C-alpha cells in the first residue's frame, strides 16, 4: 500500500480494537497480538486525579506529559504506521469554578473541530524498529486555530478530549484497502484524558507541571516569599529565567539594546504556561502530592481485546 492510499484509508473514523466481538476476531495476525504499554502511567494518573489540563494555542503547543508507549507483539519484519487522534469525551463545554476548584458544565459543546490524525514521523517502519524502544509523540502539537495549516491537532478550549493511539499494518497485498478494517488496532488509556485550555485553571496542575516537566525547572524555587519571576519565553513555551533586565547587557554598565532572537520577555502569566503566577511560581514541595521522575516504574498493559493486564 502506497503512502497516498494509506493516508486516505486512515482518514475515516477508526472503530475500537477494544470492542469485543467480531471486529477483534477478524484482525489479521500482524495486529491481533499487539500489546501497548503506557509510559509514565503514575504521572498520568496523578494529573488525572487533579483533572489534567493541556494548553492549546494558535501557534500550537506540545503536550506534557508527552504521550509515550512501548509496543510488543508486532511482526518484526512487517511494516506499520503509528498515528494518534483526539476524540471528545462528551458533548459538553465546561468552565472552571475557582471557589470550588472544580469543573462545571457550561453548555453544549461547540461544533466539532476538523478531524485530523497525527502520523508518527518515523512511519512507516518495521515492527522490529518500533518494538526496540519507547515510541514518543513529542512532536505532536495542540492548537485552537480552526484554520491551522501546519497539521496540528485542532481542539476547542474548555472541552474534554481522549487521546487514541492506532497501529496500522501496511499490507503489501493487492487491493489491501478493501480489508483496511482488519489491518489496524486502536488503544486508549482513560488516565490520558484532559481538558483543553488556553491557560491553566487549577493551580495544582500548574505546580505539578513545574515539578515534573524538565523544561519548567527555571520556575522551581524553595523560597515561599520569592517574587514572581521575569522570564524569557522562547518557542514551545520553555520558559527561562532572565539574568538581566530586558534590553540590558550584563557585561557592561550601559543600558544598550540587546539583540533579541525570539519573542520579547514577558511575565509568567503572559507565557500561557501558568494562570495563577503569584500562587504557582513559589512551588511548595509536597512529597505526598508531587511525583518524583524516578518513580515512573509501573506500566499499563492493553491489548487488542481491551483487557487491562497490569
C-alpha atoms as a PDB file:
ATOM      1  CA  UNK A   1       0.000   0.000   0.000  1.00  0.00           C
ATOM      2  CA  UNK A   2       1.492   3.305  -1.000  1.00  0.00           C
ATOM      3  CA  UNK A   3       1.517   6.396   1.214  1.00  0.00           C
ATOM      4  CA  UNK A   4      -1.416   8.067  -0.584  1.00  0.00           C
ATOM      5  CA  UNK A   5      -3.745   5.090  -0.218  1.00  0.00           C
ATOM      6  CA  UNK A   6      -2.739   4.648   3.412  1.00  0.00           C
ATOM      7  CA  UNK A   7      -3.432   8.295   4.201  1.00  0.00           C
ATOM      8  CA  UNK A   8      -6.867   8.088   2.616  1.00  0.00           C
ATOM      9  CA  UNK A   9      -7.840   4.904   4.411  1.00  0.00           C
ATOM     10  CA  UNK A  10      -6.755   6.317   7.776  1.00  0.00           C
ATOM     11  CA  UNK A  11      -8.843   9.465   7.485  1.00  0.00           C
ATOM     12  CA  UNK A  12     -12.019   7.517   8.230  1.00  0.00           C
ATOM     13  CA  UNK A  13     -13.233   7.047  11.774  1.00  0.00           C
ATOM     14  CA  UNK A  14     -11.471   4.005  13.162  1.00  0.00           C
ATOM     15  CA  UNK A  15     -13.594   1.562  15.211  1.00  0.00           C
ATOM     16  CA  UNK A  16     -12.228   0.395  18.533  1.00  0.00           C
ATOM     17  CA  UNK A  17      -9.977  -2.603  18.675  1.00  0.00           C
ATOM     18  CA  UNK A  18     -11.169  -2.848  22.256  1.00  0.00           C
ATOM     19  CA  UNK A  19     -14.697  -3.704  21.118  1.00  0.00           C
ATOM     20  CA  UNK A  20     -15.296  -7.347  21.950  1.00  0.00           C
ATOM     21  CA  UNK A  21     -16.836  -9.499  19.246  1.00  0.00           C
ATOM     22  CA  UNK A  22     -16.419  -9.863  15.517  1.00  0.00           C
ATOM     23  CA  UNK A  23     -14.082  -6.883  15.000  1.00  0.00           C
ATOM     24  CA  UNK A  24     -11.288  -8.180  17.228  1.00  0.00           C
ATOM     25  CA  UNK A  25     -11.719 -11.741  15.925  1.00  0.00           C
ATOM     26  CA  UNK A  26     -11.258 -10.698  12.284  1.00  0.00           C
ATOM     27  CA  UNK A  27      -7.999  -8.781  12.716  1.00  0.00           C
ATOM     28  CA  UNK A  28      -5.019 -10.015  10.694  1.00  0.00           C
ATOM     29  CA  UNK A  29      -2.282 -11.859  12.645  1.00  0.00           C
ATOM     30  CA  UNK A  30       0.089  -8.893  12.244  1.00  0.00           C
ATOM     31  CA  UNK A  31      -2.062  -6.782  14.596  1.00  0.00           C
ATOM     32  CA  UNK A  32      -4.172  -9.234  16.600  1.00  0.00           C
ATOM     33  CA  UNK A  33      -1.401  -9.901  19.125  1.00  0.00           C
ATOM     34  CA  UNK A  34      -0.168  -6.343  19.595  1.00  0.00           C
ATOM     35  CA  UNK A  35       0.054  -5.022  23.145  1.00  0.00           C
ATOM     36  CA  UNK A  36       0.753  -1.433  24.185  1.00  0.00           C
ATOM     37  CA  UNK A  37       2.173  -0.137  27.476  1.00  0.00           C
ATOM     38  CA  UNK A  38       1.584   3.468  28.511  1.00  0.00           C
ATOM     39  CA  UNK A  39       4.830   5.004  29.735  1.00  0.00           C
ATOM     40  CA  UNK A  40       4.870   7.259  32.826  1.00  0.00           C
ATOM     41  CA  UNK A  41       1.496   5.894  33.904  1.00  0.00           C
ATOM     42  CA  UNK A  42       1.856   7.039  37.565  1.00  0.00           C
ATOM     43  CA  UNK A  43       2.433  10.606  36.397  1.00  0.00           C
ATOM     44  CA  UNK A  44      -0.578  10.470  34.080  1.00  0.00           C
ATOM     45  CA  UNK A  45      -2.666   9.097  36.942  1.00  0.00           C
ATOM     46  CA  UNK A  46      -1.587  11.882  39.262  1.00  0.00           C
ATOM     47  CA  UNK A  47      -2.557  14.519  36.704  1.00  0.00           C
ATOM     48  CA  UNK A  48      -5.834  12.682  36.101  1.00  0.00           C
ATOM     49  CA  UNK A  49      -6.715  12.830  39.805  1.00  0.00           C
ATOM     50  CA  UNK A  50      -6.363  16.618  39.663  1.00  0.00           C
ATOM     51  CA  UNK A  51      -8.085  16.939  36.292  1.00  0.00           C
ATOM     52  CA  UNK A  52      -5.452  17.055  33.542  1.00  0.00           C
ATOM     53  CA  UNK A  53      -5.244  20.271  31.525  1.00  0.00           C
ATOM     54  CA  UNK A  54      -3.405  20.770  28.241  1.00  0.00           C
ATOM     55  CA  UNK A  55      -2.603  24.151  26.736  1.00  0.00           C
ATOM     56  CA  UNK A  56      -3.826  24.908  23.214  1.00  0.00           C
ATOM     57  CA  UNK A  57      -2.556  27.956  21.316  1.00  0.00           C
ATOM     58  CA  UNK A  58      -2.925  29.456  17.859  1.00  0.00           C
ATOM     59  CA  UNK A  59       0.659  28.502  17.003  1.00  0.00           C
ATOM     60  CA  UNK A  60       0.381  25.006  18.536  1.00  0.00           C
ATOM     61  CA  UNK A  61       1.639  23.715  21.892  1.00  0.00           C
ATOM     62  CA  UNK A  62       3.238  20.377  22.751  1.00  0.00           C
ATOM     63  CA  UNK A  63       1.680  18.092  25.328  1.00  0.00           C
ATOM     64  CA  UNK A  64       3.024  17.423  28.797  1.00  0.00           C
ATOM     65  CA  UNK A  65       3.075  14.703  29.885  1.00  0.00           C
ATOM     66  CA  UNK A  66       4.169  13.547  26.452  1.00  0.00           C
ATOM     67  CA  UNK A  67       2.251  10.584  25.069  1.00  0.00           C
ATOM     68  CA  UNK A  68       4.743   7.713  25.048  1.00  0.00           C
ATOM     69  CA  UNK A  69       4.189   3.977  24.688  1.00  0.00           C
ATOM     70  CA  UNK A  70       6.068   0.710  24.413  1.00  0.00           C
ATOM     71  CA  UNK A  71       4.787  -1.837  21.912  1.00  0.00           C
ATOM     72  CA  UNK A  72       5.103  -5.616  21.794  1.00  0.00           C
ATOM     73  CA  UNK A  73       3.581  -8.403  19.703  1.00  0.00           C
ATOM     74  CA  UNK A  74       4.328  -6.898  16.289  1.00  0.00           C
ATOM     75  CA  UNK A  75       5.599  -8.939  13.352  1.00  0.00           C
ATOM     76  CA  UNK A  76       9.281  -7.866  13.325  1.00  0.00           C
ATOM     77  CA  UNK A  77       9.501  -7.946   9.520  1.00  0.00           C
ATOM     78  CA  UNK A  78       6.150  -6.301   8.758  1.00  0.00           C
ATOM     79  CA  UNK A  79       5.759  -2.552   8.282  1.00  0.00           C
ATOM     80  CA  UNK A  80       3.467  -0.456  10.452  1.00  0.00           C
ATOM     81  CA  UNK A  81       2.250   3.125  10.600  1.00  0.00           C
ATOM     82  CA  UNK A  82       1.593   4.660  14.034  1.00  0.00           C
ATOM     83  CA  UNK A  83      -0.791   7.563  14.467  1.00  0.00           C
ATOM     84  CA  UNK A  84      -2.912   9.410  17.011  1.00  0.00           C
ATOM     85  CA  UNK A  85      -6.168  11.295  17.099  1.00  0.00           C
ATOM     86  CA  UNK A  86      -8.288  13.007  19.758  1.00  0.00           C
ATOM     87  CA  UNK A  87     -11.992  12.489  20.267  1.00  0.00           C
ATOM     88  CA  UNK A  88     -14.372  14.490  22.513  1.00  0.00           C
ATOM     89  CA  UNK A  89     -15.187  12.733  25.773  1.00  0.00           C
ATOM     90  CA  UNK A  90     -18.715  14.156  25.737  1.00  0.00           C
ATOM     91  CA  UNK A  91     -20.891  16.829  24.128  1.00  0.00           C
ATOM     92  CA  UNK A  92     -20.312  19.422  26.861  1.00  0.00           C
ATOM     93  CA  UNK A  93     -18.432  22.690  27.191  1.00  0.00           C
ATOM     94  CA  UNK A  94     -17.010  23.453  30.627  1.00  0.00           C
ATOM     95  CA  UNK A  95     -15.943  26.328  32.854  1.00  0.00           C
ATOM     96  CA  UNK A  96     -13.735  26.257  35.936  1.00  0.00           C
ATOM     97  CA  UNK A  97     -15.254  27.312  39.263  1.00  0.00           C
ATOM     98  CA  UNK A  98     -12.403  28.791  41.302  1.00  0.00           C
ATOM     99  CA  UNK A  99     -14.391  28.947  44.547  1.00  0.00           C
ATOM    100  CA  UNK A 100     -14.902  25.171  44.489  1.00  0.00           C
ATOM    101  CA  UNK A 101     -11.793  24.228  42.434  1.00  0.00           C
ATOM    102  CA  UNK A 102     -13.904  22.129  40.099  1.00  0.00           C
ATOM    103  CA  UNK A 103     -15.087  21.954  36.510  1.00  0.00           C
ATOM    104  CA  UNK A 104     -18.744  22.676  35.805  1.00  0.00           C
ATOM    105  CA  UNK A 105     -20.801  22.134  32.668  1.00  0.00           C
ATOM    106  CA  UNK A 106     -21.292  25.478  30.915  1.00  0.00           C
ATOM    107  CA  UNK A 107     -23.384  24.346  27.968  1.00  0.00           C
ATOM    108  CA  UNK A 108     -23.337  22.192  24.882  1.00  0.00           C
ATOM    109  CA  UNK A 109     -20.100  21.575  23.036  1.00  0.00           C
ATOM    110  CA  UNK A 110     -19.045  23.765  20.142  1.00  0.00           C
ATOM    111  CA  UNK A 111     -19.311  22.435  16.614  1.00  0.00           C
ATOM    112  CA  UNK A 112     -16.820  19.598  16.237  1.00  0.00           C
ATOM    113  CA  UNK A 113     -13.406  20.781  15.073  1.00  0.00           C
ATOM    114  CA  UNK A 114     -11.958  19.383  11.825  1.00  0.00           C
ATOM    115  CA  UNK A 115     -10.959  15.748  12.395  1.00  0.00           C
ATOM    116  CA  UNK A 116      -7.248  15.110  11.996  1.00  0.00           C
ATOM    117  CA  UNK A 117      -4.727  12.368  12.646  1.00  0.00           C
ATOM    118  CA  UNK A 118      -1.090  12.799  13.614  1.00  0.00           C
ATOM    119  CA  UNK A 119       1.286  10.342  11.942  1.00  0.00           C
ATOM    120  CA  UNK A 120       4.416   9.434  13.869  1.00  0.00           C
ATOM    121  CA  UNK A 121       7.287  10.930  11.829  1.00  0.00           C
ATOM    122  CA  UNK A 122       9.134   7.571  11.671  1.00  0.00           C
ATOM    123  CA  UNK A 123       6.187   5.883   9.930  1.00  0.00           C
ATOM    124  CA  UNK A 124       6.202   3.515   8.187  1.00  0.00           C
ATOM    125  CA  UNK A 125       8.779   1.301   9.891  1.00  0.00           C
ATOM    126  CA  UNK A 126       9.229  -2.384  10.582  1.00  0.00           C
ATOM    127  CA  UNK A 127       7.885  -3.911  13.737  1.00  0.00           C
ATOM    128  CA  UNK A 128      11.395  -4.678  14.969  1.00  0.00           C
ATOM    129  CA  UNK A 129      12.211  -0.944  14.972  1.00  0.00           C
ATOM    130  CA  UNK A 130       9.017   0.074  16.782  1.00  0.00           C
ATOM    131  CA  UNK A 131       9.470  -2.558  19.494  1.00  0.00           C
ATOM    132  CA  UNK A 132      13.101  -1.895  20.349  1.00  0.00           C
ATOM    133  CA  UNK A 133      12.494   1.466  22.037  1.00  0.00           C
ATOM    134  CA  UNK A 134       9.887   3.789  23.508  1.00  0.00           C
ATOM    135  CA  UNK A 135       7.663   5.426  20.899  1.00  0.00           C
ATOM    136  CA  UNK A 136       7.211   9.106  21.695  1.00  0.00           C
ATOM    137  CA  UNK A 137       4.778  11.567  20.129  1.00  0.00           C
ATOM    138  CA  UNK A 138       6.823  14.555  21.283  1.00  0.00           C
ATOM    139  CA  UNK A 139       6.350  16.465  18.020  1.00  0.00           C
ATOM    140  CA  UNK A 140       2.556  16.462  18.284  1.00  0.00           C
ATOM    141  CA  UNK A 141       1.071  19.919  18.909  1.00  0.00           C
ATOM    142  CA  UNK A 142      -2.369  21.100  20.000  1.00  0.00           C
ATOM    143  CA  UNK A 143      -3.988  24.204  18.539  1.00  0.00           C
ATOM    144  CA  UNK A 144      -7.299  26.047  18.771  1.00  0.00           C
ATOM    145  CA  UNK A 145      -6.825  27.594  15.325  1.00  0.00           C
ATOM    146  CA  UNK A 146      -9.629  26.215  13.160  1.00  0.00           C
ATOM    147  CA  UNK A 147      -7.750  27.391  10.050  1.00  0.00           C
ATOM    148  CA  UNK A 148      -4.443  25.778  11.034  1.00  0.00           C
ATOM    149  CA  UNK A 149      -2.434  24.653   8.010  1.00  0.00           C
ATOM    150  CA  UNK A 150       0.508  23.139   9.918  1.00  0.00           C
ATOM    151  CA  UNK A 151      -1.085  19.774  10.596  1.00  0.00           C
ATOM    152  CA  UNK A 152      -1.552  20.384  14.330  1.00  0.00           C
ATOM    153  CA  UNK A 153      -4.405  18.726  16.214  1.00  0.00           C
ATOM    154  CA  UNK A 154      -7.341  21.165  16.323  1.00  0.00           C
ATOM    155  CA  UNK A 155      -9.197  21.227  19.658  1.00  0.00           C
ATOM    156  CA  UNK A 156     -11.735  23.510  21.307  1.00  0.00           C
ATOM    157  CA  UNK A 157     -10.742  25.172  24.552  1.00  0.00           C
ATOM    158  CA  UNK A 158     -12.822  24.180  27.604  1.00  0.00           C
ATOM    159  CA  UNK A 159     -13.696  20.791  26.085  1.00  0.00           C
ATOM    160  CA  UNK A 160     -12.534  17.355  27.280  1.00  0.00           C
ATOM    161  CA  UNK A 161     -10.673  15.005  24.969  1.00  0.00           C
ATOM    162  CA  UNK A 162      -9.492  11.401  24.908  1.00  0.00           C
ATOM    163  CA  UNK A 163      -6.247  10.656  23.003  1.00  0.00           C
ATOM    164  CA  UNK A 164      -6.348   7.489  20.903  1.00  0.00           C
ATOM    165  CA  UNK A 165      -3.387   5.530  19.579  1.00  0.00           C
ATOM    166  CA  UNK A 166      -3.608   3.487  16.383  1.00  0.00           C
ATOM    167  CA  UNK A 167      -1.317   0.843  14.886  1.00  0.00           C
ATOM    168  CA  UNK A 168      -1.845   0.213  11.163  1.00  0.00           C
ATOM    169  CA  UNK A 169      -0.309  -2.753   9.361  1.00  0.00           C
ATOM    170  CA  UNK A 170       0.933  -1.801   5.888  1.00  0.00           C
ATOM    171  CA  UNK A 171      -0.475  -4.661   3.839  1.00  0.00           C
ATOM    172  CA  UNK A 172       1.605  -5.170   0.665  1.00  0.00           C
ATOM    173  CA  UNK A 173      -1.097  -7.290  -0.971  1.00  0.00           C
ATOM    174  CA  UNK A 174      -3.220  -6.134  -3.917  1.00  0.00           C
ATOM    175  CA  UNK A 175      -6.470  -4.330  -3.108  1.00  0.00           C
ATOM    176  CA  UNK A 176      -5.464  -4.171   0.548  1.00  0.00           C
ATOM    177  CA  UNK A 177      -7.724  -1.156   1.066  1.00  0.00           C
ATOM    178  CA  UNK A 178     -10.734  -3.456   0.744  1.00  0.00           C
ATOM    179  CA  UNK A 179      -9.760  -5.096   4.027  1.00  0.00           C
ATOM    180  CA  UNK A 180      -8.464  -1.981   5.776  1.00  0.00           C
ATOM    181  CA  UNK A 181     -10.641  -2.616   8.849  1.00  0.00           C
ATOM    182  CA  UNK A 182      -8.654  -5.801   9.521  1.00  0.00           C
ATOM    183  CA  UNK A 183      -5.255  -4.140   9.364  1.00  0.00           C
ATOM    184  CA  UNK A 184      -5.303  -1.800  12.349  1.00  0.00           C
ATOM    185  CA  UNK A 185      -5.702  -1.839  16.107  1.00  0.00           C
ATOM    186  CA  UNK A 186      -6.672   1.059  18.401  1.00  0.00           C
ATOM    187  CA  UNK A 187      -5.838   1.749  22.034  1.00  0.00           C
ATOM    188  CA  UNK A 188      -6.908   4.332  24.581  1.00  0.00           C
ATOM    189  CA  UNK A 189      -5.928   4.962  28.186  1.00  0.00           C
ATOM    190  CA  UNK A 190      -8.539   6.684  30.402  1.00  0.00           C
ATOM    191  CA  UNK A 191      -5.856   8.369  32.525  1.00  0.00           C
ATOM    192  CA  UNK A 192      -4.705  10.395  29.487  1.00  0.00           C
ATOM    193  CA  UNK A 193      -7.986  12.323  29.186  1.00  0.00           C
ATOM    194  CA  UNK A 194      -7.598  16.074  29.522  1.00  0.00           C
ATOM    195  CA  UNK A 195      -9.310  19.438  29.372  1.00  0.00           C
ATOM    196  CA  UNK A 196      -8.084  21.737  26.600  1.00  0.00           C
ATOM    197  CA  UNK A 197      -7.390  25.237  27.974  1.00  0.00           C
ATOM    198  CA  UNK A 198      -5.679  28.426  26.834  1.00  0.00           C
ATOM    199  CA  UNK A 199      -4.307  28.975  30.358  1.00  0.00           C
ATOM    200  CA  UNK A 200      -4.112  26.604  33.296  1.00  0.00           C
ATOM    201  CA  UNK A 201      -7.114  26.942  35.588  1.00  0.00           C
ATOM    202  CA  UNK A 202      -6.205  24.664  38.504  1.00  0.00           C
ATOM    203  CA  UNK A 203      -3.076  25.936  40.283  1.00  0.00           C
ATOM    204  CA  UNK A 204      -2.307  22.389  41.459  1.00  0.00           C
ATOM    205  CA  UNK A 205      -1.935  21.363  37.816  1.00  0.00           C
ATOM    206  CA  UNK A 206       0.498  24.257  37.407  1.00  0.00           C
ATOM    207  CA  UNK A 207       2.524  23.097  40.400  1.00  0.00           C
ATOM    208  CA  UNK A 208       2.667  19.505  39.228  1.00  0.00           C
ATOM    209  CA  UNK A 209       3.748  20.539  35.736  1.00  0.00           C
ATOM    210  CA  UNK A 210       6.514  22.702  37.203  1.00  0.00           C
ATOM    211  CA  UNK A 211       7.664  19.840  39.422  1.00  0.00           C
ATOM    212  CA  UNK A 212       7.685  17.165  36.718  1.00  0.00           C
ATOM    213  CA  UNK A 213       8.433  18.972  33.435  1.00  0.00           C
ATOM    214  CA  UNK A 214      12.195  19.274  32.845  1.00  0.00           C
ATOM    215  CA  UNK A 215      11.628  22.385  30.733  1.00  0.00           C
ATOM    216  CA  UNK A 216       9.967  24.159  33.673  1.00  0.00           C
ATOM    217  CA  UNK A 217      12.925  23.866  36.048  1.00  0.00           C
ATOM    218  CA  UNK A 218      13.500  27.625  35.846  1.00  0.00           C
ATOM    219  CA  UNK A 219      10.274  28.149  37.794  1.00  0.00           C
ATOM    220  CA  UNK A 220      11.220  25.950  40.737  1.00  0.00           C
ATOM    221  CA  UNK A 221      12.058  27.697  43.972  1.00  0.00           C
ATOM    222  CA  UNK A 222      12.118  26.755  47.644  1.00  0.00           C
ATOM    223  CA  UNK A 223      11.581  30.357  48.766  1.00  0.00           C
ATOM    224  CA  UNK A 224       7.850  30.811  49.511  1.00  0.00           C
ATOM    225  CA  UNK A 225       8.334  34.594  49.616  1.00  0.00           C
ATOM    226  CA  UNK A 226      10.003  34.794  46.213  1.00  0.00           C
ATOM    227  CA  UNK A 227       8.614  37.427  43.853  1.00  0.00           C
ATOM    228  CA  UNK A 228       7.084  36.345  40.546  1.00  0.00           C
ATOM    229  CA  UNK A 229       9.868  35.641  38.099  1.00  0.00           C
ATOM    230  CA  UNK A 230      10.507  37.618  34.970  1.00  0.00           C
ATOM    231  CA  UNK A 231      11.097  35.086  32.248  1.00  0.00           C
ATOM    232  CA  UNK A 232      12.047  34.716  28.618  1.00  0.00           C
ATOM    233  CA  UNK A 233       9.557  32.672  26.636  1.00  0.00           C
ATOM    234  CA  UNK A 234      11.248  31.019  23.645  1.00  0.00           C
ATOM    235  CA  UNK A 235       9.271  28.840  21.197  1.00  0.00           C
ATOM    236  CA  UNK A 236       7.215  25.989  22.716  1.00  0.00           C
ATOM    237  CA  UNK A 237       6.824  27.954  25.940  1.00  0.00           C
ATOM    238  CA  UNK A 238      10.008  26.626  27.532  1.00  0.00           C
ATOM    239  CA  UNK A 239      10.389  29.490  29.923  1.00  0.00           C
ATOM    240  CA  UNK A 240      13.844  30.514  31.086  1.00  0.00           C
ATOM    241  CA  UNK A 241      14.670  32.996  33.865  1.00  0.00           C
ATOM    242  CA  UNK A 242      16.246  36.254  32.759  1.00  0.00           C
ATOM    243  CA  UNK A 243      19.550  37.189  34.375  1.00  0.00           C
ATOM    244  CA  UNK A 244      19.326  40.791  33.156  1.00  0.00           C
ATOM    245  CA  UNK A 245      16.568  43.269  32.644  1.00  0.00           C
ATOM    246  CA  UNK A 246      15.047  43.423  29.175  1.00  0.00           C
ATOM    247  CA  UNK A 247      17.175  45.495  26.809  1.00  0.00           C
ATOM    248  CA  UNK A 248      20.300  45.397  29.009  1.00  0.00           C
ATOM    249  CA  UNK A 249      23.622  43.623  28.602  1.00  0.00           C
ATOM    250  CA  UNK A 250      25.073  42.236  31.799  1.00  0.00           C
ATOM    251  CA  UNK A 251      28.696  42.633  30.777  1.00  0.00           C
ATOM    252  CA  UNK A 252      28.545  46.405  30.604  1.00  0.00           C
ATOM    253  CA  UNK A 253      27.073  49.060  32.824  1.00  0.00           C
ATOM    254  CA  UNK A 254      25.356  50.737  29.888  1.00  0.00           C
ATOM    255  CA  UNK A 255      21.719  50.134  29.031  1.00  0.00           C
ATOM    256  CA  UNK A 256      22.230  49.219  25.408  1.00  0.00           C
ATOM    257  CA  UNK A 257      19.671  47.302  23.401  1.00  0.00           C
ATOM    258  CA  UNK A 258      20.429  43.614  23.250  1.00  0.00           C
ATOM    259  CA  UNK A 259      19.685  41.582  20.159  1.00  0.00           C
ATOM    260  CA  UNK A 260      16.526  39.554  20.558  1.00  0.00           C
ATOM    261  CA  UNK A 261      16.307  36.168  18.907  1.00  0.00           C
ATOM    262  CA  UNK A 262      12.818  35.252  19.994  1.00  0.00           C
ATOM    263  CA  UNK A 263       9.637  36.758  21.365  1.00  0.00           C
ATOM    264  CA  UNK A 264      10.070  39.567  23.855  1.00  0.00           C
ATOM    265  CA  UNK A 265      10.414  38.936  27.587  1.00  0.00           C
ATOM    266  CA  UNK A 266       7.150  38.705  29.418  1.00  0.00           C
ATOM    267  CA  UNK A 267       5.885  37.841  32.860  1.00  0.00           C
ATOM    268  CA  UNK A 268       4.938  34.350  33.878  1.00  0.00           C
ATOM    269  CA  UNK A 269       1.219  34.849  33.447  1.00  0.00           C
ATOM    270  CA  UNK A 270       1.802  36.060  29.878  1.00  0.00           C
ATOM    271  CA  UNK A 271       3.617  32.880  28.798  1.00  0.00           C
ATOM    272  CA  UNK A 272       0.384  30.895  28.612  1.00  0.00           C
ATOM    273  CA  UNK A 273       2.140  28.416  30.855  1.00  0.00           C
ATOM    274  CA  UNK A 274       0.502  29.447  34.107  1.00  0.00           C
ATOM    275  CA  UNK A 275      -2.792  31.013  35.104  1.00  0.00           C
ATOM    276  CA  UNK A 276      -2.030  31.918  38.719  1.00  0.00           C
ATOM    277  CA  UNK A 277       1.547  33.192  38.572  1.00  0.00           C
ATOM    278  CA  UNK A 278       1.773  34.553  42.108  1.00  0.00           C
ATOM    279  CA  UNK A 279       0.415  31.315  43.538  1.00  0.00           C
ATOM    280  CA  UNK A 280       2.239  28.939  41.245  1.00  0.00           C
ATOM    281  CA  UNK A 281       5.744  30.319  40.873  1.00  0.00           C
ATOM    282  CA  UNK A 282       6.634  29.701  44.508  1.00  0.00           C
ATOM    283  CA  UNK A 283       6.443  25.925  44.314  1.00  0.00           C
ATOM    284  CA  UNK A 284       5.574  24.281  47.600  1.00  0.00           C
ATOM    285  CA  UNK A 285       7.202  20.894  47.698  1.00  0.00           C
ATOM    286  CA  UNK A 286       4.781  18.293  48.946  1.00  0.00           C
ATOM    287  CA  UNK A 287       6.166  14.798  48.631  1.00  0.00           C
ATOM    288  CA  UNK A 288       2.718  13.359  49.205  1.00  0.00           C
ATOM    289  CA  UNK A 289       1.289  15.035  46.139  1.00  0.00           C
ATOM    290  CA  UNK A 290       4.203  15.633  43.768  1.00  0.00           C
ATOM    291  CA  UNK A 291       5.708  12.744  41.868  1.00  0.00           C
ATOM    292  CA  UNK A 292       9.432  12.157  41.534  1.00  0.00           C
ATOM    293  CA  UNK A 293      10.516  11.248  37.974  1.00  0.00           C
ATOM    294  CA  UNK A 294      12.424   8.294  39.467  1.00  0.00           C
ATOM    295  CA  UNK A 295       9.116   6.644  40.376  1.00  0.00           C
ATOM    296  CA  UNK A 296       7.825   6.248  36.813  1.00  0.00           C
ATOM    297  CA  UNK A 297       8.099   2.485  37.022  1.00  0.00           C
ATOM    298  CA  UNK A 298       4.666   0.900  36.625  1.00  0.00           C
ATOM    299  CA  UNK A 299       3.181   0.420  33.176  1.00  0.00           C
ATOM    300  CA  UNK A 300      -0.349  -0.150  31.956  1.00  0.00           C
ATOM    301  CA  UNK A 301      -0.751  -3.046  29.506  1.00  0.00           C
ATOM    302  CA  UNK A 302      -3.515  -3.024  26.912  1.00  0.00           C
ATOM    303  CA  UNK A 303      -4.137  -5.464  24.117  1.00  0.00           C
ATOM    304  CA  UNK A 304      -6.491  -5.711  21.167  1.00  0.00           C
ATOM    305  CA  UNK A 305      -9.236  -7.313  23.230  1.00  0.00           C
ATOM    306  CA  UNK A 306      -9.309  -4.301  25.546  1.00  0.00           C
ATOM    307  CA  UNK A 307      -8.120  -6.180  28.626  1.00  0.00           C
ATOM    308  CA  UNK A 308      -6.025  -4.319  31.182  1.00  0.00           C
ATOM    309  CA  UNK A 309      -3.308  -6.820  32.048  1.00  0.00           C
ATOM    310  CA  UNK A 310      -1.412  -4.750  34.603  1.00  0.00           C
END
